[in-house]
Amino acid sequence: MIIRREYRFEASHQLTRHPGRCQRLHGHSYRFLVDVEGPIERDQEMVLDFEDLDRIVGEEVLARLDHYHLNDVIDYPTAEWIAVWIWRALAPRLPGLRRVELFEMDGASVIYRGEDPDAR
């Protein structure tokens, strides 16, 4: 079974190698989904308590990205690399992590499933 939870954070970034307007300092109201897969554990009758998931995401992601300038945290913070960063922050504490989907704006998202992005 897969559980999914949605989170939000506000942050600025600047894509210095981008040829367009994203080269300028700007911000986004990011939204991301976290999917965790596993069996229904009989002791609690759930895959993972949403409160536990909230605590992990809060400590590993939100505390480090919300209201920050992402260039100070992530080498080159495109939506793709932010999704990879979120995955890498969560994977050690969520062995059932299956997918991170990051929305930079409504209708524009990237999905990362843990495959090797061949860099950083």
N, C-alpha and C. Protein backbone atom coordinates (compact mmCIF):
# COMPACT_ATOMS: atom_id res chain seq x y z
N MET A 1 0.85 -1.17 0.00
CA MET A 1 0.00 0.00 0.00
C MET A 1 0.89 1.24 0.00
N ILE A 2 0.41 2.31 -0.60
CA ILE A 2 1.15 3.57 -0.65
C ILE A 2 0.36 4.65 0.07
N ILE A 3 1.05 5.37 0.96
CA ILE A 3 0.45 6.54 1.57
C ILE A 3 1.09 7.78 0.95
N ARG A 4 0.33 8.85 0.91
CA ARG A 4 0.82 10.10 0.29
C ARG A 4 0.44 11.26 1.20
N ARG A 5 1.39 12.20 1.31
CA ARG A 5 1.13 13.41 2.10
C ARG A 5 1.67 14.60 1.33
N GLU A 6 0.99 15.72 1.46
CA GLU A 6 1.37 16.95 0.77
C GLU A 6 1.94 17.96 1.76
N TYR A 7 2.98 18.66 1.31
CA TYR A 7 3.64 19.68 2.14
C TYR A 7 3.88 20.93 1.30
N ARG A 8 4.12 22.04 1.98
CA ARG A 8 4.37 23.32 1.30
C ARG A 8 5.52 24.04 1.98
N PHE A 9 6.24 24.83 1.17
CA PHE A 9 7.24 25.74 1.72
C PHE A 9 7.44 26.90 0.77
N GLU A 10 7.92 27.99 1.33
CA GLU A 10 8.21 29.22 0.58
C GLU A 10 9.72 29.36 0.53
N ALA A 11 10.25 29.72 -0.65
CA ALA A 11 11.70 29.90 -0.76
C ALA A 11 12.03 30.72 -2.00
N SER A 12 13.22 31.31 -1.95
CA SER A 12 13.73 32.05 -3.11
C SER A 12 14.86 31.24 -3.75
N HIS A 13 15.13 31.55 -5.01
CA HIS A 13 16.29 30.99 -5.68
C HIS A 13 16.62 31.85 -6.89
N GLN A 14 17.75 31.51 -7.49
CA GLN A 14 18.23 32.24 -8.66
C GLN A 14 18.99 31.25 -9.53
N LEU A 15 18.58 31.12 -10.78
CA LEU A 15 19.23 30.18 -11.70
C LEU A 15 20.19 30.95 -12.59
N THR A 16 21.40 31.09 -12.12
CA THR A 16 22.37 31.99 -12.75
C THR A 16 22.77 31.56 -14.16
N ARG A 17 22.62 30.29 -14.49
CA ARG A 17 22.97 29.82 -15.84
C ARG A 17 21.77 29.77 -16.78
N HIS A 18 20.61 30.14 -16.29
CA HIS A 18 19.39 30.11 -17.10
C HIS A 18 19.36 31.34 -18.00
N PRO A 19 18.98 31.17 -19.28
CA PRO A 19 19.00 32.31 -20.20
C PRO A 19 17.81 33.27 -20.05
N GLY A 20 16.81 32.89 -19.30
CA GLY A 20 15.61 33.72 -19.21
C GLY A 20 15.47 34.44 -17.88
N ARG A 21 14.23 34.77 -17.56
CA ARG A 21 13.95 35.58 -16.38
C ARG A 21 14.25 34.87 -15.06
N CYS A 22 14.34 33.54 -15.08
CA CYS A 22 14.67 32.81 -13.85
C CYS A 22 16.10 33.08 -13.39
N GLN A 23 16.85 33.77 -14.22
CA GLN A 23 18.21 34.17 -13.85
C GLN A 23 18.17 35.20 -12.71
N ARG A 24 17.07 35.91 -12.62
CA ARG A 24 16.93 36.92 -11.56
C ARG A 24 16.44 36.25 -10.26
N LEU A 25 16.78 36.88 -9.16
CA LEU A 25 16.32 36.40 -7.87
C LEU A 25 14.80 36.44 -7.83
N HIS A 26 14.18 35.33 -7.45
CA HIS A 26 12.73 35.26 -7.36
C HIS A 26 12.34 34.15 -6.39
N GLY A 27 11.07 34.05 -6.09
CA GLY A 27 10.61 33.05 -5.14
C GLY A 27 9.43 32.25 -5.64
N HIS A 28 9.16 31.17 -4.93
CA HIS A 28 8.04 30.29 -5.26
C HIS A 28 7.35 29.85 -3.98
N SER A 29 6.09 29.51 -4.11
CA SER A 29 5.35 28.80 -3.08
C SER A 29 5.36 27.34 -3.52
N TYR A 30 6.34 26.60 -3.06
CA TYR A 30 6.52 25.21 -3.48
C TYR A 30 5.51 24.32 -2.77
N ARG A 31 5.16 23.26 -3.47
CA ARG A 31 4.30 22.22 -2.91
C ARG A 31 4.94 20.90 -3.30
N PHE A 32 4.96 19.93 -2.38
CA PHE A 32 5.50 18.63 -2.76
C PHE A 32 4.72 17.50 -2.10
N LEU A 33 4.71 16.38 -2.80
CA LEU A 33 4.04 15.16 -2.35
C LEU A 33 5.10 14.12 -2.04
N VAL A 34 4.89 13.39 -0.96
CA VAL A 34 5.78 12.31 -0.56
C VAL A 34 4.97 11.03 -0.54
N ASP A 35 5.42 10.01 -1.28
CA ASP A 35 4.78 8.70 -1.29
C ASP A 35 5.67 7.70 -0.56
N VAL A 36 5.07 6.97 0.38
CA VAL A 36 5.78 5.95 1.14
C VAL A 36 4.99 4.65 0.98
N GLU A 37 5.70 3.59 0.63
CA GLU A 37 5.06 2.29 0.41
C GLU A 37 5.49 1.30 1.49
N GLY A 38 4.55 0.47 1.87
CA GLY A 38 4.86 -0.58 2.83
C GLY A 38 3.62 -1.37 3.17
N PRO A 39 3.81 -2.41 3.95
CA PRO A 39 2.66 -3.20 4.39
C PRO A 39 1.92 -2.46 5.51
N ILE A 40 0.69 -2.84 5.71
CA ILE A 40 -0.06 -2.33 6.86
C ILE A 40 0.49 -3.05 8.09
N GLU A 41 1.17 -2.29 8.94
CA GLU A 41 1.77 -2.88 10.14
C GLU A 41 0.67 -3.20 11.15
N ARG A 42 0.65 -4.41 11.61
CA ARG A 42 -0.45 -4.88 12.46
C ARG A 42 -0.49 -4.21 13.83
N ASP A 43 0.65 -3.73 14.33
CA ASP A 43 0.61 -3.12 15.66
C ASP A 43 -0.18 -1.81 15.65
N GLN A 44 -0.10 -1.04 14.56
CA GLN A 44 -0.83 0.22 14.47
C GLN A 44 -1.91 0.20 13.38
N GLU A 45 -1.94 -0.86 12.58
CA GLU A 45 -2.91 -0.99 11.48
C GLU A 45 -2.76 0.13 10.45
N MET A 46 -1.51 0.53 10.19
CA MET A 46 -1.23 1.55 9.18
C MET A 46 0.16 1.32 8.61
N VAL A 47 0.41 1.88 7.43
CA VAL A 47 1.73 1.80 6.81
C VAL A 47 2.72 2.62 7.62
N LEU A 48 2.35 3.86 7.91
CA LEU A 48 3.17 4.78 8.69
C LEU A 48 2.24 5.84 9.24
N ASP A 49 2.38 6.15 10.49
CA ASP A 49 1.56 7.19 11.11
C ASP A 49 1.87 8.52 10.43
N PHE A 50 0.85 9.24 9.98
CA PHE A 50 1.06 10.53 9.32
C PHE A 50 1.78 11.51 10.23
N GLU A 51 1.56 11.41 11.54
CA GLU A 51 2.28 12.29 12.47
C GLU A 51 3.78 12.02 12.43
N ASP A 52 4.16 10.75 12.31
CA ASP A 52 5.58 10.41 12.19
C ASP A 52 6.15 10.94 10.88
N LEU A 53 5.39 10.80 9.81
CA LEU A 53 5.83 11.32 8.52
C LEU A 53 5.99 12.84 8.59
N ASP A 54 5.03 13.51 9.20
CA ASP A 54 5.11 14.97 9.34
C ASP A 54 6.36 15.39 10.13
N ARG A 55 6.67 14.66 11.18
CA ARG A 55 7.84 14.99 11.99
C ARG A 55 9.12 14.83 11.17
N ILE A 56 9.23 13.74 10.44
CA ILE A 56 10.43 13.47 9.63
C ILE A 56 10.58 14.53 8.54
N VAL A 57 9.50 14.81 7.81
CA VAL A 57 9.57 15.82 6.75
C VAL A 57 9.87 17.19 7.34
N GLY A 58 9.29 17.49 8.49
CA GLY A 58 9.56 18.77 9.14
C GLY A 58 11.02 18.94 9.51
N GLU A 59 11.60 17.89 10.09
CA GLU A 59 13.00 17.96 10.52
C GLU A 59 13.97 17.95 9.35
N GLU A 60 13.72 17.10 8.37
CA GLU A 60 14.69 16.89 7.30
C GLU A 60 14.55 17.84 6.12
N VAL A 61 13.33 18.33 5.88
CA VAL A 61 13.11 19.17 4.69
C VAL A 61 12.65 20.58 5.07
N LEU A 62 11.52 20.69 5.72
CA LEU A 62 10.94 22.01 5.96
C LEU A 62 11.85 22.90 6.81
N ALA A 63 12.48 22.33 7.82
CA ALA A 63 13.38 23.12 8.67
C ALA A 63 14.59 23.63 7.91
N ARG A 64 14.91 23.01 6.79
CA ARG A 64 16.11 23.37 6.03
C ARG A 64 15.81 24.13 4.74
N LEU A 65 14.53 24.15 4.31
CA LEU A 65 14.20 24.84 3.06
C LEU A 65 13.20 25.98 3.22
N ASP A 66 12.27 25.87 4.16
CA ASP A 66 11.20 26.86 4.25
C ASP A 66 11.74 28.23 4.63
N HIS A 67 11.43 29.22 3.80
CA HIS A 67 11.88 30.61 3.97
C HIS A 67 13.40 30.75 3.93
N TYR A 68 14.03 29.94 3.09
CA TYR A 68 15.46 30.05 2.84
C TYR A 68 15.70 30.44 1.39
N HIS A 69 16.91 30.92 1.14
CA HIS A 69 17.38 31.14 -0.23
C HIS A 69 18.01 29.82 -0.66
N LEU A 70 17.38 29.11 -1.59
CA LEU A 70 17.78 27.75 -1.91
C LEU A 70 19.19 27.64 -2.46
N ASN A 71 19.71 28.69 -3.07
CA ASN A 71 21.09 28.64 -3.56
C ASN A 71 22.09 28.46 -2.42
N ASP A 72 21.69 28.79 -1.19
CA ASP A 72 22.56 28.60 -0.03
C ASP A 72 22.51 27.16 0.48
N VAL A 73 21.57 26.37 -0.02
CA VAL A 73 21.36 25.01 0.46
C VAL A 73 21.66 23.97 -0.62
N ILE A 74 21.23 24.25 -1.84
CA ILE A 74 21.33 23.32 -2.97
C ILE A 74 22.20 23.97 -4.05
N ASP A 75 23.13 23.21 -4.59
CA ASP A 75 24.10 23.75 -5.53
C ASP A 75 23.45 24.56 -6.66
N TYR A 76 22.54 23.96 -7.38
CA TYR A 76 21.85 24.66 -8.48
C TYR A 76 20.37 24.29 -8.39
N PRO A 77 19.58 25.10 -7.69
CA PRO A 77 18.23 24.70 -7.27
C PRO A 77 17.13 24.81 -8.34
N THR A 78 17.27 24.01 -9.39
CA THR A 78 16.15 23.84 -10.32
C THR A 78 15.13 22.94 -9.64
N ALA A 79 13.94 22.87 -10.17
CA ALA A 79 12.92 21.98 -9.60
C ALA A 79 13.44 20.54 -9.55
N GLU A 80 14.16 20.14 -10.60
CA GLU A 80 14.69 18.77 -10.65
C GLU A 80 15.63 18.50 -9.49
N TRP A 81 16.56 19.42 -9.24
CA TRP A 81 17.54 19.20 -8.18
C TRP A 81 16.94 19.38 -6.79
N ILE A 82 15.91 20.20 -6.68
CA ILE A 82 15.23 20.31 -5.38
C ILE A 82 14.55 18.98 -5.05
N ALA A 83 13.92 18.36 -6.03
CA ALA A 83 13.27 17.06 -5.81
C ALA A 83 14.30 16.01 -5.41
N VAL A 84 15.45 15.99 -6.07
CA VAL A 84 16.52 15.05 -5.71
C VAL A 84 16.99 15.33 -4.28
N TRP A 85 17.16 16.59 -3.93
CA TRP A 85 17.60 16.96 -2.59
C TRP A 85 16.60 16.48 -1.54
N ILE A 86 15.31 16.68 -1.79
CA ILE A 86 14.28 16.22 -0.85
C ILE A 86 14.37 14.71 -0.68
N TRP A 87 14.49 13.99 -1.79
CA TRP A 87 14.61 12.53 -1.73
C TRP A 87 15.79 12.13 -0.85
N ARG A 88 16.94 12.72 -1.13
CA ARG A 88 18.15 12.36 -0.39
C ARG A 88 18.04 12.71 1.10
N ALA A 89 17.30 13.76 1.42
CA ALA A 89 17.10 14.13 2.82
C ALA A 89 16.19 13.14 3.54
N LEU A 90 15.20 12.61 2.82
CA LEU A 90 14.20 11.74 3.45
C LEU A 90 14.55 10.25 3.41
N ALA A 91 15.22 9.80 2.38
CA ALA A 91 15.45 8.36 2.16
C ALA A 91 16.08 7.64 3.35
N PRO A 92 17.07 8.21 4.03
CA PRO A 92 17.65 7.47 5.16
C PRO A 92 16.66 7.19 6.29
N ARG A 93 15.64 8.00 6.43
CA ARG A 93 14.67 7.82 7.51
C ARG A 93 13.36 7.20 7.04
N LEU A 94 13.18 7.09 5.73
CA LEU A 94 11.95 6.52 5.17
C LEU A 94 12.32 5.42 4.18
N PRO A 95 12.60 4.20 4.66
CA PRO A 95 13.00 3.13 3.74
C PRO A 95 11.94 2.79 2.69
N GLY A 96 10.69 3.12 2.96
CA GLY A 96 9.63 2.85 1.99
C GLY A 96 9.37 4.00 1.03
N LEU A 97 10.24 5.02 1.03
CA LEU A 97 10.05 6.16 0.13
C LEU A 97 10.02 5.69 -1.31
N ARG A 98 8.98 6.08 -2.05
CA ARG A 98 8.83 5.65 -3.43
C ARG A 98 8.82 6.79 -4.43
N ARG A 99 8.40 7.99 -4.00
CA ARG A 99 8.26 9.07 -4.97
C ARG A 99 8.19 10.41 -4.26
N VAL A 100 8.84 11.38 -4.87
CA VAL A 100 8.71 12.78 -4.46
C VAL A 100 8.25 13.55 -5.69
N GLU A 101 7.17 14.29 -5.58
CA GLU A 101 6.72 15.15 -6.67
C GLU A 101 6.74 16.58 -6.16
N LEU A 102 7.47 17.44 -6.86
CA LEU A 102 7.62 18.83 -6.47
C LEU A 102 6.94 19.72 -7.49
N PHE A 103 6.07 20.61 -7.00
CA PHE A 103 5.39 21.59 -7.84
C PHE A 103 6.04 22.94 -7.61
N GLU A 104 6.59 23.51 -8.67
CA GLU A 104 7.15 24.85 -8.58
C GLU A 104 6.04 25.89 -8.69
N MET A 105 4.99 25.52 -9.41
CA MET A 105 3.78 26.33 -9.55
C MET A 105 2.67 25.38 -9.97
N ASP A 106 1.43 25.84 -9.93
CA ASP A 106 0.32 24.98 -10.34
C ASP A 106 0.55 24.51 -11.77
N GLY A 107 0.41 23.21 -11.97
CA GLY A 107 0.52 22.65 -13.31
C GLY A 107 1.93 22.38 -13.78
N ALA A 108 2.94 22.65 -12.95
CA ALA A 108 4.34 22.42 -13.34
C ALA A 108 5.05 21.66 -12.23
N SER A 109 5.35 20.39 -12.48
CA SER A 109 5.97 19.57 -11.44
C SER A 109 7.03 18.65 -12.02
N VAL A 110 7.86 18.14 -11.12
CA VAL A 110 8.83 17.11 -11.46
C VAL A 110 8.59 15.95 -10.51
N ILE A 111 8.84 14.74 -10.99
CA ILE A 111 8.68 13.53 -10.19
C ILE A 111 10.03 12.84 -10.13
N TYR A 112 10.45 12.50 -8.91
CA TYR A 112 11.72 11.79 -8.72
C TYR A 112 11.44 10.53 -7.93
N ARG A 113 12.00 9.41 -8.42
CA ARG A 113 11.76 8.11 -7.81
C ARG A 113 13.04 7.46 -7.28
N GLY A 114 14.08 8.25 -7.11
CA GLY A 114 15.30 7.71 -6.53
C GLY A 114 16.33 7.21 -7.52
N GLU A 115 16.05 7.34 -8.80
CA GLU A 115 17.02 6.91 -9.80
C GLU A 115 18.26 7.81 -9.73
N ASP A 116 19.40 7.31 -10.16
CA ASP A 116 20.64 8.09 -10.10
C ASP A 116 20.60 9.22 -11.12
N PRO A 117 20.68 10.47 -10.68
CA PRO A 117 20.64 11.58 -11.63
C PRO A 117 22.00 11.86 -12.27
N ASP A 118 22.99 10.99 -12.02
CA ASP A 118 24.32 11.11 -12.63
C ASP A 118 25.06 12.37 -12.26
N ALA A 119 24.88 12.86 -11.07
CA ALA A 119 25.63 14.06 -10.67
C ALA A 119 25.43 14.35 -9.20
N ARG A 120 26.15 15.35 -8.77
CA ARG A 120 26.10 15.98 -7.45
C ARG A 120 25.83 14.99 -6.36
